[in-house]
C-alpha atoms as a PDB file:
ATOM      1  CA  UNK A   1       0.010   0.028   0.006  1.00  0.00           C
ATOM      2  CA  UNK A   2       1.153   3.494  -0.754  1.00  0.00           C
ATOM      3  CA  UNK A   3       0.307   6.845   0.772  1.00  0.00           C
ATOM      4  CA  UNK A   4      -2.370   8.674  -1.136  1.00  0.00           C
ATOM      5  CA  UNK A   5      -2.054  12.345  -2.273  1.00  0.00           C
ATOM      6  CA  UNK A   6      -4.521  14.544  -0.430  1.00  0.00           C
ATOM      7  CA  UNK A   7      -7.054  14.805  -3.411  1.00  0.00           C
ATOM      8  CA  UNK A   8      -7.190  11.063  -3.775  1.00  0.00           C
ATOM      9  CA  UNK A   9      -7.662  10.597  -0.019  1.00  0.00           C
ATOM     10  CA  UNK A  10     -10.643  13.085  -0.181  1.00  0.00           C
ATOM     11  CA  UNK A  11     -12.251  10.996  -2.949  1.00  0.00           C
ATOM     12  CA  UNK A  12     -11.613   7.689  -0.865  1.00  0.00           C
ATOM     13  CA  UNK A  13     -13.291   9.310   2.156  1.00  0.00           C
ATOM     14  CA  UNK A  14     -16.432   9.798   0.144  1.00  0.00           C
ATOM     15  CA  UNK A  15     -16.169   6.280  -1.333  1.00  0.00           C
ATOM     16  CA  UNK A  16     -15.922   4.822   2.218  1.00  0.00           C
ATOM     17  CA  UNK A  17     -18.888   6.742   3.380  1.00  0.00           C
ATOM     18  CA  UNK A  18     -21.089   5.682   0.500  1.00  0.00           C
ATOM     19  CA  UNK A  19     -22.797   2.439  -0.408  1.00  0.00           C
ATOM     20  CA  UNK A  20     -21.030   0.970  -3.400  1.00  0.00           C
ATOM     21  CA  UNK A  21     -20.993   1.320  -6.222  1.00  0.00           C
ATOM     22  CA  UNK A  22     -20.146   4.947  -6.529  1.00  0.00           C
ATOM     23  CA  UNK A  23     -19.903   7.071  -9.667  1.00  0.00           C
ATOM     24  CA  UNK A  24     -18.035  10.207 -10.717  1.00  0.00           C
ATOM     25  CA  UNK A  25     -21.289  12.019 -10.587  1.00  0.00           C
ATOM     26  CA  UNK A  26     -21.602  11.180  -6.874  1.00  0.00           C
ATOM     27  CA  UNK A  27     -18.166  12.404  -6.187  1.00  0.00           C
ATOM     28  CA  UNK A  28     -18.974  15.694  -8.154  1.00  0.00           C
ATOM     29  CA  UNK A  29     -22.059  16.209  -6.005  1.00  0.00           C
ATOM     30  CA  UNK A  30     -20.339  15.389  -2.724  1.00  0.00           C
ATOM     31  CA  UNK A  31     -17.227  17.539  -3.230  1.00  0.00           C
ATOM     32  CA  UNK A  32     -16.177  18.268  -6.782  1.00  0.00           C
ATOM     33  CA  UNK A  33     -18.081  21.559  -7.057  1.00  0.00           C
ATOM     34  CA  UNK A  34     -16.891  22.642  -3.545  1.00  0.00           C
ATOM     35  CA  UNK A  35     -13.260  22.014  -4.632  1.00  0.00           C
ATOM     36  CA  UNK A  36     -13.804  23.664  -8.035  1.00  0.00           C
ATOM     37  CA  UNK A  37     -12.951  20.405  -9.811  1.00  0.00           C
ATOM     38  CA  UNK A  38     -14.101  19.616 -13.347  1.00  0.00           C
ATOM     39  CA  UNK A  39     -15.556  16.188 -14.064  1.00  0.00           C
ATOM     40  CA  UNK A  40     -12.335  15.243 -16.007  1.00  0.00           C
ATOM     41  CA  UNK A  41     -10.269  15.933 -12.815  1.00  0.00           C
ATOM     42  CA  UNK A  42     -12.540  13.518 -10.831  1.00  0.00           C
ATOM     43  CA  UNK A  43     -12.360  10.958 -13.599  1.00  0.00           C
ATOM     44  CA  UNK A  44      -8.575  11.091 -13.561  1.00  0.00           C
ATOM     45  CA  UNK A  45      -8.393  10.800  -9.781  1.00  0.00           C
ATOM     46  CA  UNK A  46     -10.751   7.787  -9.857  1.00  0.00           C
ATOM     47  CA  UNK A  47      -8.598   6.248 -12.624  1.00  0.00           C
ATOM     48  CA  UNK A  48      -5.523   6.691 -10.604  1.00  0.00           C
ATOM     49  CA  UNK A  49      -7.185   5.195  -7.463  1.00  0.00           C
ATOM     50  CA  UNK A  50      -8.118   2.206  -9.729  1.00  0.00           C
ATOM     51  CA  UNK A  51      -4.465   1.861 -11.034  1.00  0.00           C
ATOM     52  CA  UNK A  52      -3.170   1.981  -7.379  1.00  0.00           C
ATOM     53  CA  UNK A  53      -5.444  -0.828  -6.354  1.00  0.00           C
ATOM     54  CA  UNK A  54      -7.702   1.214  -4.081  1.00  0.00           C
ATOM     55  CA  UNK A  55     -10.727   0.911  -6.323  1.00  0.00           C
ATOM     56  CA  UNK A  56     -12.219  -1.558  -8.882  1.00  0.00           C
ATOM     57  CA  UNK A  57     -14.294  -0.295 -11.652  1.00  0.00           C
ATOM     58  CA  UNK A  58     -17.066  -1.805 -13.947  1.00  0.00           C
ATOM     59  CA  UNK A  59     -18.430  -0.229 -17.034  1.00  0.00           C
ATOM     60  CA  UNK A  60     -22.271  -0.649 -17.439  1.00  0.00           C
ATOM     61  CA  UNK A  61     -23.543   1.163 -20.552  1.00  0.00           C
ATOM     62  CA  UNK A  62     -22.038   4.767 -20.497  1.00  0.00           C
ATOM     63  CA  UNK A  63     -21.647   4.775 -16.802  1.00  0.00           C
ATOM     64  CA  UNK A  64     -18.504   3.539 -14.883  1.00  0.00           C
ATOM     65  CA  UNK A  65     -19.125   2.231 -11.311  1.00  0.00           C
ATOM     66  CA  UNK A  66     -16.347   2.100  -8.682  1.00  0.00           C
ATOM     67  CA  UNK A  67     -16.075  -0.153  -5.715  1.00  0.00           C
ATOM     68  CA  UNK A  68     -13.652   0.114  -2.854  1.00  0.00           C
ATOM     69  CA  UNK A  69     -10.941  -2.553  -2.571  1.00  0.00           C
ATOM     70  CA  UNK A  70      -8.919  -1.105   0.315  1.00  0.00           C
ATOM     71  CA  UNK A  71     -10.971  -0.690   3.525  1.00  0.00           C
ATOM     72  CA  UNK A  72     -10.919   2.531   5.400  1.00  0.00           C
ATOM     73  CA  UNK A  73      -9.556   0.950   8.520  1.00  0.00           C
ATOM     74  CA  UNK A  74      -6.702  -0.811   6.721  1.00  0.00           C
ATOM     75  CA  UNK A  75      -5.710   2.444   5.110  1.00  0.00           C
ATOM     76  CA  UNK A  76      -5.962   4.464   8.304  1.00  0.00           C
ATOM     77  CA  UNK A  77      -3.844   1.854  10.084  1.00  0.00           C
ATOM     78  CA  UNK A  78      -1.271   2.066   7.295  1.00  0.00           C
ATOM     79  CA  UNK A  79      -1.087   5.841   7.556  1.00  0.00           C
ATOM     80  CA  UNK A  80      -0.993   5.845  11.370  1.00  0.00           C
ATOM     81  CA  UNK A  81       1.876   3.454  11.383  1.00  0.00           C
ATOM     82  CA  UNK A  82       3.754   5.484   8.895  1.00  0.00           C
ATOM     83  CA  UNK A  83       3.053   8.710  10.839  1.00  0.00           C
ATOM     84  CA  UNK A  84       4.174   7.122  14.189  1.00  0.00           C
ATOM     85  CA  UNK A  85       7.462   5.825  12.592  1.00  0.00           C
ATOM     86  CA  UNK A  86       8.205   9.120  10.700  1.00  0.00           C
ATOM     87  CA  UNK A  87       7.377  11.674  13.338  1.00  0.00           C
ATOM     88  CA  UNK A  88       7.318   9.920  16.767  1.00  0.00           C
ATOM     89  CA  UNK A  89       9.875   7.162  16.479  1.00  0.00           C
ATOM     90  CA  UNK A  90       7.056   4.648  17.135  1.00  0.00           C
ATOM     91  CA  UNK A  91       6.514   6.016  20.607  1.00  0.00           C
ATOM     92  CA  UNK A  92       2.925   6.411  21.693  1.00  0.00           C
ATOM     93  CA  UNK A  93       4.213   8.503  24.618  1.00  0.00           C
ATOM     94  CA  UNK A  94       6.139  10.842  22.216  1.00  0.00           C
ATOM     95  CA  UNK A  95       2.796  11.366  20.322  1.00  0.00           C
ATOM     96  CA  UNK A  96       0.864  12.044  23.431  1.00  0.00           C
ATOM     97  CA  UNK A  97       3.535  14.279  24.828  1.00  0.00           C
ATOM     98  CA  UNK A  98       3.401  16.313  21.645  1.00  0.00           C
ATOM     99  CA  UNK A  99      -0.264  16.628  21.703  1.00  0.00           C
ATOM    100  CA  UNK A 100      -0.257  17.584  25.346  1.00  0.00           C
ATOM    101  CA  UNK A 101       2.423  20.322  24.920  1.00  0.00           C
ATOM    102  CA  UNK A 102       0.546  21.829  21.998  1.00  0.00           C
ATOM    103  CA  UNK A 103      -2.617  21.948  24.178  1.00  0.00           C
ATOM    104  CA  UNK A 104      -4.471  19.780  21.735  1.00  0.00           C
ATOM    105  CA  UNK A 105      -5.532  17.224  24.454  1.00  0.00           C
ATOM    106  CA  UNK A 106      -8.334  18.356  26.778  1.00  0.00           C
ATOM    107  CA  UNK A 107      -8.652  17.123  30.296  1.00  0.00           C
ATOM    108  CA  UNK A 108     -11.636  15.188  29.093  1.00  0.00           C
ATOM    109  CA  UNK A 109      -9.409  13.578  26.393  1.00  0.00           C
ATOM    110  CA  UNK A 110      -6.796  12.594  29.026  1.00  0.00           C
ATOM    111  CA  UNK A 111      -9.578  11.062  31.284  1.00  0.00           C
ATOM    112  CA  UNK A 112     -10.821   9.089  28.339  1.00  0.00           C
ATOM    113  CA  UNK A 113      -7.179   7.978  27.458  1.00  0.00           C
ATOM    114  CA  UNK A 114      -6.547   6.894  31.065  1.00  0.00           C
ATOM    115  CA  UNK A 115      -9.795   4.859  31.058  1.00  0.00           C
ATOM    116  CA  UNK A 116      -8.931   3.272  27.794  1.00  0.00           C
ATOM    117  CA  UNK A 117      -5.464   2.266  29.010  1.00  0.00           C
ATOM    118  CA  UNK A 118      -6.963   0.765  32.166  1.00  0.00           C
ATOM    119  CA  UNK A 119      -9.499  -1.235  30.162  1.00  0.00           C
ATOM    120  CA  UNK A 120      -6.712  -2.453  27.828  1.00  0.00           C
ATOM    121  CA  UNK A 121      -4.573  -3.507  30.736  1.00  0.00           C
ATOM    122  CA  UNK A 122      -7.314  -5.895  32.183  1.00  0.00           C
END
């Protein structure tokens, strides 16, 4: 698996949130107009995602239908592992420390984290 560029990841988020199959028309309705993309841009991005093995496509008549191959959880695990290795030396404490120092973690988040850790220990 390879890291997706931001535009392709945005499309995959819509694919994962939708019931397959999905079409370029659905992508355009969901975000293409918001991003200012033309239909050809969406077609190109969908084709790249198919070539990378994230989507499979079937042509029925004039319409092309796309189905996810890579599941959201699998991709997010891949991205998270990459992020942890690259920026935090695979250290969960390093990640939490960074979030804490930047005031990104609230007291409520810390309480939830403590509860989660305690549940995982049992």
